[in-house]
Amino acid sequence: MDATLTPRRSVMDIPSAKEAAKKAVETVIELIPEARYVALEGIELSDDETCWEVVVGYVREGDAPVTALSALGGGRTYRTYKTLVLRRDTLEFVKMEPYRDSEHA
């Protein structure tokens, strides 16, 4: 593939990505105390490479299935996903918004 057709993005360094992911998960736990089973779902740099865009998933306390059997029935998705934006250089929290899959938007 011709490199001129596709803009080249920087490669993320793992230690910085891990710190951003940890900060994002901690932020969700702090801002949404009823969040359970909080986990990293995805991470990438913004197009201008100044911010981390971190997708975090969780289950609200009241939405968690009570038993394994109830989790199997109903077909309801219990996880909620948020995109958190953190400054790349300081990990300062910029915003949190509902996750939107850009491929299907």
PDB file of N, CA and C in Angstrom:
ATOM      1  N   MET A   1       0.847  -1.184   0.000  1.00  0.00           N
ATOM      2  CA  MET A   1       0.000   0.000   0.000  1.00  0.00           C
ATOM      3  C   MET A   1       0.886   1.238   0.000  1.00  0.00           C
ATOM      4  N   ASP A   2       0.513   2.238  -0.759  1.00  0.00           N
ATOM      5  CA  ASP A   2       1.264   3.472  -0.874  1.00  0.00           C
ATOM      6  C   ASP A   2       1.147   4.281   0.417  1.00  0.00           C
ATOM      7  N   ALA A   3       2.280   4.627   1.042  1.00  0.00           N
ATOM      8  CA  ALA A   3       2.296   5.356   2.313  1.00  0.00           C
ATOM      9  C   ALA A   3       1.716   6.761   2.180  1.00  0.00           C
ATOM     10  N   THR A   4       1.692   7.316   0.990  1.00  0.00           N
ATOM     11  CA  THR A   4       1.146   8.662   0.811  1.00  0.00           C
ATOM     12  C   THR A   4      -0.376   8.673   0.899  1.00  0.00           C
ATOM     13  N   LEU A   5      -0.998   7.518   0.732  1.00  0.00           N
ATOM     14  CA  LEU A   5      -2.454   7.447   0.792  1.00  0.00           C
ATOM     15  C   LEU A   5      -2.985   7.324   2.217  1.00  0.00           C
ATOM     16  N   THR A   6      -2.171   6.815   3.110  1.00  0.00           N
ATOM     17  CA  THR A   6      -2.606   6.578   4.475  1.00  0.00           C
ATOM     18  C   THR A   6      -1.759   7.404   5.432  1.00  0.00           C
ATOM     19  N   PRO A   7      -2.367   8.305   6.212  1.00  0.00           N
ATOM     20  CA  PRO A   7      -1.574   9.067   7.164  1.00  0.00           C
ATOM     21  C   PRO A   7      -0.968   8.135   8.201  1.00  0.00           C
ATOM     22  N   ARG A   8       0.265   8.379   8.533  1.00  0.00           N
ATOM     23  CA  ARG A   8       0.963   7.531   9.488  1.00  0.00           C
ATOM     24  C   ARG A   8       0.745   8.057  10.899  1.00  0.00           C
ATOM     25  N   ARG A   9       0.405   7.155  11.817  1.00  0.00           N
ATOM     26  CA  ARG A   9       0.182   7.525  13.210  1.00  0.00           C
ATOM     27  C   ARG A   9       1.352   7.053  14.041  1.00  0.00           C
ATOM     28  N   SER A  10       1.610   7.776  15.121  1.00  0.00           N
ATOM     29  CA  SER A  10       2.658   7.376  16.041  1.00  0.00           C
ATOM     30  C   SER A  10       2.307   6.058  16.690  1.00  0.00           C
ATOM     31  N   VAL A  11       3.320   5.356  17.075  1.00  0.00           N
ATOM     32  CA  VAL A  11       3.145   4.114  17.811  1.00  0.00           C
ATOM     33  C   VAL A  11       3.027   4.478  19.292  1.00  0.00           C
ATOM     34  N   MET A  12       2.053   3.886  19.971  1.00  0.00           N
ATOM     35  CA  MET A  12       1.889   4.132  21.406  1.00  0.00           C
ATOM     36  C   MET A  12       2.960   3.386  22.172  1.00  0.00           C
ATOM     37  N   ASP A  13       3.529   4.037  23.184  1.00  0.00           N
ATOM     38  CA  ASP A  13       4.433   3.287  24.032  1.00  0.00           C
ATOM     39  C   ASP A  13       3.610   2.663  25.162  1.00  0.00           C
ATOM     40  N   ILE A  14       3.901   1.411  25.460  1.00  0.00           N
ATOM     41  CA  ILE A  14       3.103   0.618  26.394  1.00  0.00           C
ATOM     42  C   ILE A  14       3.048   1.235  27.795  1.00  0.00           C
ATOM     43  N   PRO A  15       4.165   1.679  28.384  1.00  0.00           N
ATOM     44  CA  PRO A  15       4.072   2.251  29.740  1.00  0.00           C
ATOM     45  C   PRO A  15       3.127   3.461  29.819  1.00  0.00           C
ATOM     46  N   SER A  16       3.161   4.329  28.830  1.00  0.00           N
ATOM     47  CA  SER A  16       2.270   5.497  28.826  1.00  0.00           C
ATOM     48  C   SER A  16       0.820   5.074  28.646  1.00  0.00           C
ATOM     49  N   ALA A  17       0.579   4.108  27.768  1.00  0.00           N
ATOM     50  CA  ALA A  17      -0.779   3.614  27.547  1.00  0.00           C
ATOM     51  C   ALA A  17      -1.319   2.962  28.821  1.00  0.00           C
ATOM     52  N   LYS A  18      -0.469   2.215  29.533  1.00  0.00           N
ATOM     53  CA  LYS A  18      -0.899   1.578  30.781  1.00  0.00           C
ATOM     54  C   LYS A  18      -1.275   2.620  31.833  1.00  0.00           C
ATOM     55  N   GLU A  19      -0.505   3.676  31.930  1.00  0.00           N
ATOM     56  CA  GLU A  19      -0.808   4.742  32.893  1.00  0.00           C
ATOM     57  C   GLU A  19      -2.119   5.440  32.542  1.00  0.00           C
ATOM     58  N   ALA A  20      -2.335   5.701  31.258  1.00  0.00           N
ATOM     59  CA  ALA A  20      -3.586   6.337  30.820  1.00  0.00           C
ATOM     60  C   ALA A  20      -4.776   5.422  31.106  1.00  0.00           C
ATOM     61  N   ALA A  21      -4.624   4.131  30.844  1.00  0.00           N
ATOM     62  CA  ALA A  21      -5.703   3.173  31.103  1.00  0.00           C
ATOM     63  C   ALA A  21      -6.024   3.115  32.591  1.00  0.00           C
ATOM     64  N   LYS A  22      -5.006   3.051  33.413  1.00  0.00           N
ATOM     65  CA  LYS A  22      -5.198   3.007  34.872  1.00  0.00           C
ATOM     66  C   LYS A  22      -5.919   4.263  35.357  1.00  0.00           C
ATOM     67  N   LYS A  23      -5.497   5.419  34.883  1.00  0.00           N
ATOM     68  CA  LYS A  23      -6.112   6.692  35.272  1.00  0.00           C
ATOM     69  C   LYS A  23      -7.579   6.732  34.836  1.00  0.00           C
ATOM     70  N   ALA A  24      -7.879   6.256  33.640  1.00  0.00           N
ATOM     71  CA  ALA A  24      -9.260   6.270  33.136  1.00  0.00           C
ATOM     72  C   ALA A  24     -10.156   5.360  33.980  1.00  0.00           C
ATOM     73  N   VAL A  25      -9.683   4.164  34.304  1.00  0.00           N
ATOM     74  CA  VAL A  25     -10.466   3.242  35.124  1.00  0.00           C
ATOM     75  C   VAL A  25     -10.699   3.844  36.508  1.00  0.00           C
ATOM     76  N   GLU A  26      -9.657   4.426  37.107  1.00  0.00           N
ATOM     77  CA  GLU A  26      -9.800   5.072  38.421  1.00  0.00           C
ATOM     78  C   GLU A  26     -10.796   6.223  38.371  1.00  0.00           C
ATOM     79  N   THR A  27     -10.798   6.968  37.277  1.00  0.00           N
ATOM     80  CA  THR A  27     -11.716   8.101  37.128  1.00  0.00           C
ATOM     81  C   THR A  27     -13.157   7.625  37.067  1.00  0.00           C
ATOM     82  N   VAL A  28     -13.431   6.557  36.321  1.00  0.00           N
ATOM     83  CA  VAL A  28     -14.792   6.018  36.251  1.00  0.00           C
ATOM     84  C   VAL A  28     -15.240   5.551  37.635  1.00  0.00           C
ATOM     85  N   ILE A  29     -14.375   4.860  38.346  1.00  0.00           N
ATOM     86  CA  ILE A  29     -14.718   4.384  39.689  1.00  0.00           C
ATOM     87  C   ILE A  29     -15.027   5.549  40.618  1.00  0.00           C
ATOM     88  N   GLU A  30     -14.271   6.630  40.487  1.00  0.00           N
ATOM     89  CA  GLU A  30     -14.491   7.804  41.334  1.00  0.00           C
ATOM     90  C   GLU A  30     -15.772   8.557  40.973  1.00  0.00           C
ATOM     91  N   LEU A  31     -16.032   8.712  39.690  1.00  0.00           N
ATOM     92  CA  LEU A  31     -17.188   9.496  39.253  1.00  0.00           C
ATOM     93  C   LEU A  31     -18.497   8.716  39.269  1.00  0.00           C
ATOM     94  N   ILE A  32     -18.418   7.398  39.140  1.00  0.00           N
ATOM     95  CA  ILE A  32     -19.621   6.560  39.087  1.00  0.00           C
ATOM     96  C   ILE A  32     -19.475   5.476  40.161  1.00  0.00           C
ATOM     97  N   PRO A  33     -19.762   5.816  41.418  1.00  0.00           N
ATOM     98  CA  PRO A  33     -19.534   4.867  42.516  1.00  0.00           C
ATOM     99  C   PRO A  33     -20.302   3.553  42.382  1.00  0.00           C
ATOM    100  N   GLU A  34     -21.419   3.564  41.665  1.00  0.00           N
ATOM    101  CA  GLU A  34     -22.193   2.328  41.510  1.00  0.00           C
ATOM    102  C   GLU A  34     -21.651   1.436  40.386  1.00  0.00           C
ATOM    103  N   ALA A  35     -20.577   1.845  39.725  1.00  0.00           N
ATOM    104  CA  ALA A  35     -19.984   1.045  38.654  1.00  0.00           C
ATOM    105  C   ALA A  35     -19.291  -0.185  39.235  1.00  0.00           C
ATOM    106  N   ARG A  36     -19.559  -1.334  38.642  1.00  0.00           N
ATOM    107  CA  ARG A  36     -18.945  -2.599  39.051  1.00  0.00           C
ATOM    108  C   ARG A  36     -18.293  -3.238  37.826  1.00  0.00           C
ATOM    109  N   TYR A  37     -17.329  -4.089  38.055  1.00  0.00           N
ATOM    110  CA  TYR A  37     -16.640  -4.807  36.980  1.00  0.00           C
ATOM    111  C   TYR A  37     -16.072  -3.828  35.937  1.00  0.00           C
ATOM    112  N   VAL A  38     -15.439  -2.767  36.430  1.00  0.00           N
ATOM    113  CA  VAL A  38     -14.876  -1.727  35.558  1.00  0.00           C
ATOM    114  C   VAL A  38     -13.631  -2.283  34.876  1.00  0.00           C
ATOM    115  N   ALA A  39     -13.547  -2.102  33.552  1.00  0.00           N
ATOM    116  CA  ALA A  39     -12.419  -2.647  32.806  1.00  0.00           C
ATOM    117  C   ALA A  39     -12.106  -1.816  31.569  1.00  0.00           C
ATOM    118  N   LEU A  40     -10.851  -1.826  31.202  1.00  0.00           N
ATOM    119  CA  LEU A  40     -10.399  -1.206  29.965  1.00  0.00           C
ATOM    120  C   LEU A  40     -10.974  -1.981  28.792  1.00  0.00           C
ATOM    121  N   GLU A  41     -11.543  -1.257  27.823  1.00  0.00           N
ATOM    122  CA  GLU A  41     -12.093  -1.892  26.617  1.00  0.00           C
ATOM    123  C   GLU A  41     -11.313  -1.498  25.366  1.00  0.00           C
ATOM    124  N   GLY A  42     -10.656  -0.343  25.390  1.00  0.00           N
ATOM    125  CA  GLY A  42      -9.880   0.094  24.231  1.00  0.00           C
ATOM    126  C   GLY A  42      -9.142   1.376  24.537  1.00  0.00           C
ATOM    127  N   ILE A  43      -8.071   1.633  23.788  1.00  0.00           N
ATOM    128  CA  ILE A  43      -7.297   2.855  23.993  1.00  0.00           C
ATOM    129  C   ILE A  43      -6.607   3.237  22.691  1.00  0.00           C
ATOM    130  N   GLU A  44      -6.576   4.534  22.403  1.00  0.00           N
ATOM    131  CA  GLU A  44      -5.853   5.034  21.241  1.00  0.00           C
ATOM    132  C   GLU A  44      -5.529   6.504  21.451  1.00  0.00           C
ATOM    133  N   LEU A  45      -4.613   7.003  20.651  1.00  0.00           N
ATOM    134  CA  LEU A  45      -4.293   8.422  20.667  1.00  0.00           C
ATOM    135  C   LEU A  45      -5.280   9.170  19.777  1.00  0.00           C
ATOM    136  N   SER A  46      -5.573  10.407  20.139  1.00  0.00           N
ATOM    137  CA  SER A  46      -6.425  11.240  19.292  1.00  0.00           C
ATOM    138  C   SER A  46      -5.716  11.494  17.964  1.00  0.00           C
ATOM    139  N   ASP A  47      -6.458  11.962  16.975  1.00  0.00           N
ATOM    140  CA  ASP A  47      -5.874  12.213  15.656  1.00  0.00           C
ATOM    141  C   ASP A  47      -4.705  13.183  15.719  1.00  0.00           C
ATOM    142  N   ASP A  48      -4.791  14.186  16.600  1.00  0.00           N
ATOM    143  CA  ASP A  48      -3.691  15.150  16.721  1.00  0.00           C
ATOM    144  C   ASP A  48      -2.630  14.700  17.730  1.00  0.00           C
ATOM    145  N   GLU A  49      -2.831  13.514  18.314  1.00  0.00           N
ATOM    146  CA  GLU A  49      -1.890  12.866  19.228  1.00  0.00           C
ATOM    147  C   GLU A  49      -1.631  13.646  20.514  1.00  0.00           C
ATOM    148  N   THR A  50      -2.573  14.499  20.918  1.00  0.00           N
ATOM    149  CA  THR A  50      -2.416  15.258  22.154  1.00  0.00           C
ATOM    150  C   THR A  50      -3.183  14.648  23.317  1.00  0.00           C
ATOM    151  N   CYS A  51      -4.087  13.714  23.019  1.00  0.00           N
ATOM    152  CA  CYS A  51      -4.929  13.128  24.061  1.00  0.00           C
ATOM    153  C   CYS A  51      -5.039  11.618  23.895  1.00  0.00           C
ATOM    154  N   TRP A  52      -5.246  10.963  25.033  1.00  0.00           N
ATOM    155  CA  TRP A  52      -5.614   9.552  25.046  1.00  0.00           C
ATOM    156  C   TRP A  52      -7.132   9.471  24.982  1.00  0.00           C
ATOM    157  N   GLU A  53      -7.659   8.593  24.167  1.00  0.00           N
ATOM    158  CA  GLU A  53      -9.084   8.297  24.116  1.00  0.00           C
ATOM    159  C   GLU A  53      -9.240   6.871  24.620  1.00  0.00           C
ATOM    160  N   VAL A  54      -9.786   6.750  25.826  1.00  0.00           N
ATOM    161  CA  VAL A  54      -9.827   5.467  26.511  1.00  0.00           C
ATOM    162  C   VAL A  54     -11.279   5.024  26.665  1.00  0.00           C
ATOM    163  N   VAL A  55     -11.592   3.828  26.199  1.00  0.00           N
ATOM    164  CA  VAL A  55     -12.933   3.270  26.347  1.00  0.00           C
ATOM    165  C   VAL A  55     -12.915   2.350  27.564  1.00  0.00           C
ATOM    166  N   VAL A  56     -13.836   2.647  28.507  1.00  0.00           N
ATOM    167  CA  VAL A  56     -13.956   1.875  29.738  1.00  0.00           C
ATOM    168  C   VAL A  56     -15.374   1.318  29.805  1.00  0.00           C
ATOM    169  N   GLY A  57     -15.480   0.045  30.138  1.00  0.00           N
ATOM    170  CA  GLY A  57     -16.785  -0.598  30.285  1.00  0.00           C
ATOM    171  C   GLY A  57     -17.039  -0.943  31.739  1.00  0.00           C
ATOM    172  N   TYR A  58     -18.312  -0.957  32.117  1.00  0.00           N
ATOM    173  CA  TYR A  58     -18.684  -1.297  33.487  1.00  0.00           C
ATOM    174  C   TYR A  58     -20.144  -1.722  33.523  1.00  0.00           C
ATOM    175  N   VAL A  59     -20.539  -2.285  34.654  1.00  0.00           N
ATOM    176  CA  VAL A  59     -21.920  -2.653  34.907  1.00  0.00           C
ATOM    177  C   VAL A  59     -22.384  -1.825  36.097  1.00  0.00           C
ATOM    178  N   ARG A  60     -23.536  -1.164  35.963  1.00  0.00           N
ATOM    179  CA  ARG A  60     -24.100  -0.439  37.110  1.00  0.00           C
ATOM    180  C   ARG A  60     -24.584  -1.443  38.133  1.00  0.00           C
ATOM    181  N   GLU A  61     -24.413  -1.115  39.386  1.00  0.00           N
ATOM    182  CA  GLU A  61     -24.742  -2.029  40.478  1.00  0.00           C
ATOM    183  C   GLU A  61     -26.125  -2.647  40.323  1.00  0.00           C
ATOM    184  N   GLY A  62     -27.138  -1.872  40.002  1.00  0.00           N
ATOM    185  CA  GLY A  62     -28.498  -2.385  39.873  1.00  0.00           C
ATOM    186  C   GLY A  62     -28.747  -3.188  38.614  1.00  0.00           C
ATOM    187  N   ASP A  63     -27.828  -3.109  37.641  1.00  0.00           N
ATOM    188  CA  ASP A  63     -27.999  -3.827  36.376  1.00  0.00           C
ATOM    189  C   ASP A  63     -27.309  -5.181  36.346  1.00  0.00           C
ATOM    190  N   ALA A  64     -26.486  -5.468  37.341  1.00  0.00           N
ATOM    191  CA  ALA A  64     -25.740  -6.725  37.352  1.00  0.00           C
ATOM    192  C   ALA A  64     -26.697  -7.887  37.545  1.00  0.00           C
ATOM    193  N   PRO A  65     -26.565  -8.946  36.751  1.00  0.00           N
ATOM    194  CA  PRO A  65     -27.434 -10.113  36.932  1.00  0.00           C
ATOM    195  C   PRO A  65     -27.192 -10.733  38.307  1.00  0.00           C
ATOM    196  N   VAL A  66     -28.249 -11.169  38.947  1.00  0.00           N
ATOM    197  CA  VAL A  66     -28.153 -11.731  40.294  1.00  0.00           C
ATOM    198  C   VAL A  66     -27.582 -13.144  40.254  1.00  0.00           C
ATOM    199  N   THR A  67     -27.948 -13.912  39.243  1.00  0.00           N
ATOM    200  CA  THR A  67     -27.465 -15.291  39.121  1.00  0.00           C
ATOM    201  C   THR A  67     -26.947 -15.520  37.712  1.00  0.00           C
ATOM    202  N   ALA A  68     -26.173 -16.570  37.555  1.00  0.00           N
ATOM    203  CA  ALA A  68     -25.668 -16.919  36.227  1.00  0.00           C
ATOM    204  C   ALA A  68     -26.812 -17.251  35.288  1.00  0.00           C
ATOM    205  N   LEU A  69     -27.847 -17.883  35.820  1.00  0.00           N
ATOM    206  CA  LEU A  69     -29.008 -18.243  35.002  1.00  0.00           C
ATOM    207  C   LEU A  69     -29.713 -16.995  34.469  1.00  0.00           C
ATOM    208  N   SER A  70     -29.853 -15.966  35.304  1.00  0.00           N
ATOM    209  CA  SER A  70     -30.504 -14.735  34.830  1.00  0.00           C
ATOM    210  C   SER A  70     -29.633 -14.012  33.812  1.00  0.00           C
ATOM    211  N   ALA A  71     -28.330 -14.185  33.904  1.00  0.00           N
ATOM    212  CA  ALA A  71     -27.434 -13.565  32.928  1.00  0.00           C
ATOM    213  C   ALA A  71     -27.586 -14.212  31.549  1.00  0.00           C
ATOM    214  N   LEU A  72     -27.925 -15.497  31.528  1.00  0.00           N
ATOM    215  CA  LEU A  72     -28.083 -16.207  30.261  1.00  0.00           C
ATOM    216  C   LEU A  72     -29.394 -15.875  29.556  1.00  0.00           C
ATOM    217  N   GLY A  73     -30.422 -15.584  30.297  1.00  0.00           N
ATOM    218  CA  GLY A  73     -31.724 -15.300  29.701  1.00  0.00           C
ATOM    219  C   GLY A  73     -31.877 -13.831  29.358  1.00  0.00           C
ATOM    220  N   GLY A  74     -32.861 -13.523  28.580  1.00  0.00           N
ATOM    221  CA  GLY A  74     -33.213 -12.128  28.329  1.00  0.00           C
ATOM    222  C   GLY A  74     -32.428 -11.446  27.230  1.00  0.00           C
ATOM    223  N   GLY A  75     -31.170 -11.798  27.005  1.00  0.00           N
ATOM    224  CA  GLY A  75     -30.387 -11.204  25.940  1.00  0.00           C
ATOM    225  C   GLY A  75     -30.048  -9.736  26.136  1.00  0.00           C
ATOM    226  N   ARG A  76     -30.227  -9.215  27.327  1.00  0.00           N
ATOM    227  CA  ARG A  76     -29.953  -7.798  27.569  1.00  0.00           C
ATOM    228  C   ARG A  76     -28.455  -7.574  27.774  1.00  0.00           C
ATOM    229  N   THR A  77     -27.936  -6.501  27.224  1.00  0.00           N
ATOM    230  CA  THR A  77     -26.549  -6.126  27.437  1.00  0.00           C
ATOM    231  C   THR A  77     -26.475  -5.277  28.690  1.00  0.00           C
ATOM    232  N   TYR A  78     -25.719  -5.733  29.651  1.00  0.00           N
ATOM    233  CA  TYR A  78     -25.640  -5.048  30.933  1.00  0.00           C
ATOM    234  C   TYR A  78     -24.499  -4.045  30.998  1.00  0.00           C
ATOM    235  N   ARG A  79     -23.507  -4.162  30.142  1.00  0.00           N
ATOM    236  CA  ARG A  79     -22.354  -3.268  30.219  1.00  0.00           C
ATOM    237  C   ARG A  79     -22.678  -1.902  29.620  1.00  0.00           C
ATOM    238  N   THR A  80     -22.116  -0.893  30.246  1.00  0.00           N
ATOM    239  CA  THR A  80     -22.161   0.476  29.751  1.00  0.00           C
ATOM    240  C   THR A  80     -20.742   0.848  29.368  1.00  0.00           C
ATOM    241  N   TYR A  81     -20.593   1.603  28.290  1.00  0.00           N
ATOM    242  CA  TYR A  81     -19.265   1.988  27.822  1.00  0.00           C
ATOM    243  C   TYR A  81     -19.160   3.502  27.771  1.00  0.00           C
ATOM    244  N   LYS A  82     -18.029   4.017  28.228  1.00  0.00           N
ATOM    245  CA  LYS A  82     -17.746   5.445  28.188  1.00  0.00           C
ATOM    246  C   LYS A  82     -16.391   5.659  27.536  1.00  0.00           C
ATOM    247  N   THR A  83     -16.273   6.757  26.808  1.00  0.00           N
ATOM    248  CA  THR A  83     -14.980   7.181  26.285  1.00  0.00           C
ATOM    249  C   THR A  83     -14.488   8.319  27.163  1.00  0.00           C
ATOM    250  N   LEU A  84     -13.304   8.141  27.725  1.00  0.00           N
ATOM    251  CA  LEU A  84     -12.682   9.185  28.531  1.00  0.00           C
ATOM    252  C   LEU A  84     -11.538   9.778  27.736  1.00  0.00           C
ATOM    253  N   VAL A  85     -11.421  11.085  27.771  1.00  0.00           N
ATOM    254  CA  VAL A  85     -10.336  11.773  27.088  1.00  0.00           C
ATOM    255  C   VAL A  85      -9.417  12.349  28.160  1.00  0.00           C
ATOM    256  N   LEU A  86      -8.136  11.980  28.058  1.00  0.00           N
ATOM    257  CA  LEU A  86      -7.113  12.447  28.995  1.00  0.00           C
ATOM    258  C   LEU A  86      -5.993  13.101  28.202  1.00  0.00           C
ATOM    259  N   ARG A  87      -5.466  14.207  28.717  1.00  0.00           N
ATOM    260  CA  ARG A  87      -4.324  14.840  28.047  1.00  0.00           C
ATOM    261  C   ARG A  87      -3.150  13.866  28.034  1.00  0.00           C
ATOM    262  N   ARG A  88      -2.503  13.747  26.923  1.00  0.00           N
ATOM    263  CA  ARG A  88      -1.415  12.779  26.790  1.00  0.00           C
ATOM    264  C   ARG A  88      -0.234  13.108  27.700  1.00  0.00           C
ATOM    265  N   ASP A  89       0.100  14.385  27.826  1.00  0.00           N
ATOM    266  CA  ASP A  89       1.299  14.761  28.578  1.00  0.00           C
ATOM    267  C   ASP A  89       1.112  14.747  30.092  1.00  0.00           C
ATOM    268  N   THR A  90      -0.097  15.034  30.578  1.00  0.00           N
ATOM    269  CA  THR A  90      -0.321  15.155  32.028  1.00  0.00           C
ATOM    270  C   THR A  90      -1.325  14.154  32.586  1.00  0.00           C
ATOM    271  N   LEU A  91      -2.039  13.458  31.712  1.00  0.00           N
ATOM    272  CA  LEU A  91      -3.148  12.562  32.069  1.00  0.00           C
ATOM    273  C   LEU A  91      -4.288  13.311  32.753  1.00  0.00           C
ATOM    274  N   GLU A  92      -4.345  14.619  32.544  1.00  0.00           N
ATOM    275  CA  GLU A  92      -5.448  15.419  33.077  1.00  0.00           C
ATOM    276  C   GLU A  92      -6.746  14.993  32.392  1.00  0.00           C
ATOM    277  N   PHE A  93      -7.785  14.810  33.203  1.00  0.00           N
ATOM    278  CA  PHE A  93      -9.105  14.410  32.713  1.00  0.00           C
ATOM    279  C   PHE A  93      -9.724  15.571  31.957  1.00  0.00           C
ATOM    280  N   VAL A  94     -10.123  15.352  30.702  1.00  0.00           N
ATOM    281  CA  VAL A  94     -10.722  16.385  29.859  1.00  0.00           C
ATOM    282  C   VAL A  94     -12.235  16.211  29.792  1.00  0.00           C
ATOM    283  N   LYS A  95     -12.682  14.992  29.457  1.00  0.00           N
ATOM    284  CA  LYS A  95     -14.127  14.760  29.369  1.00  0.00           C
ATOM    285  C   LYS A  95     -14.428  13.267  29.357  1.00  0.00           C
ATOM    286  N   MET A  96     -15.703  12.967  29.609  1.00  0.00           N
ATOM    287  CA  MET A  96     -16.209  11.605  29.519  1.00  0.00           C
ATOM    288  C   MET A  96     -17.526  11.684  28.775  1.00  0.00           C
ATOM    289  N   GLU A  97     -17.719  10.797  27.830  1.00  0.00           N
ATOM    290  CA  GLU A  97     -18.951  10.786  27.051  1.00  0.00           C
ATOM    291  C   GLU A  97     -19.317   9.345  26.699  1.00  0.00           C
ATOM    292  N   PRO A  98     -20.566   9.122  26.325  1.00  0.00           N
ATOM    293  CA  PRO A  98     -20.949   7.762  25.908  1.00  0.00           C
ATOM    294  C   PRO A  98     -20.073   7.301  24.744  1.00  0.00           C
ATOM    295  N   TYR A  99     -19.703   6.041  24.765  1.00  0.00           N
ATOM    296  CA  TYR A  99     -18.892   5.480  23.690  1.00  0.00           C
ATOM    297  C   TYR A  99     -19.715   5.403  22.420  1.00  0.00           C
ATOM    298  N   ARG A 100     -19.113   5.824  21.330  1.00  0.00           N
ATOM    299  CA  ARG A 100     -19.734   5.713  20.005  1.00  0.00           C
ATOM    300  C   ARG A 100     -18.743   5.034  19.089  1.00  0.00           C
ATOM    301  N   ASP A 101     -19.146   3.945  18.497  1.00  0.00           N
ATOM    302  CA  ASP A 101     -18.303   3.227  17.559  1.00  0.00           C
ATOM    303  C   ASP A 101     -18.227   4.043  16.277  1.00  0.00           C
ATOM    304  N   SER A 102     -17.061   4.586  15.963  1.00  0.00           N
ATOM    305  CA  SER A 102     -16.918   5.468  14.806  1.00  0.00           C
ATOM    306  C   SER A 102     -17.170   4.741  13.489  1.00  0.00           C
ATOM    307  N   GLU A 103     -16.982   3.434  13.451  1.00  0.00           N
ATOM    308  CA  GLU A 103     -17.238   2.684  12.227  1.00  0.00           C
ATOM    309  C   GLU A 103     -18.720   2.571  11.916  1.00  0.00           C
ATOM    310  N   HIS A 104     -19.568   2.676  12.962  1.00  0.00           N
ATOM    311  CA  HIS A 104     -21.006   2.514  12.769  1.00  0.00           C
ATOM    312  C   HIS A 104     -21.770   3.802  13.017  1.00  0.00           C
ATOM    313  N   ALA A 105     -21.076   4.908  13.162  1.00  0.00           N
ATOM    314  CA  ALA A 105     -21.748   6.176  13.459  1.00  0.00           C
ATOM    315  C   ALA A 105     -22.310   6.812  12.213  1.00  0.00           C
TER     316      ALA A 105
END
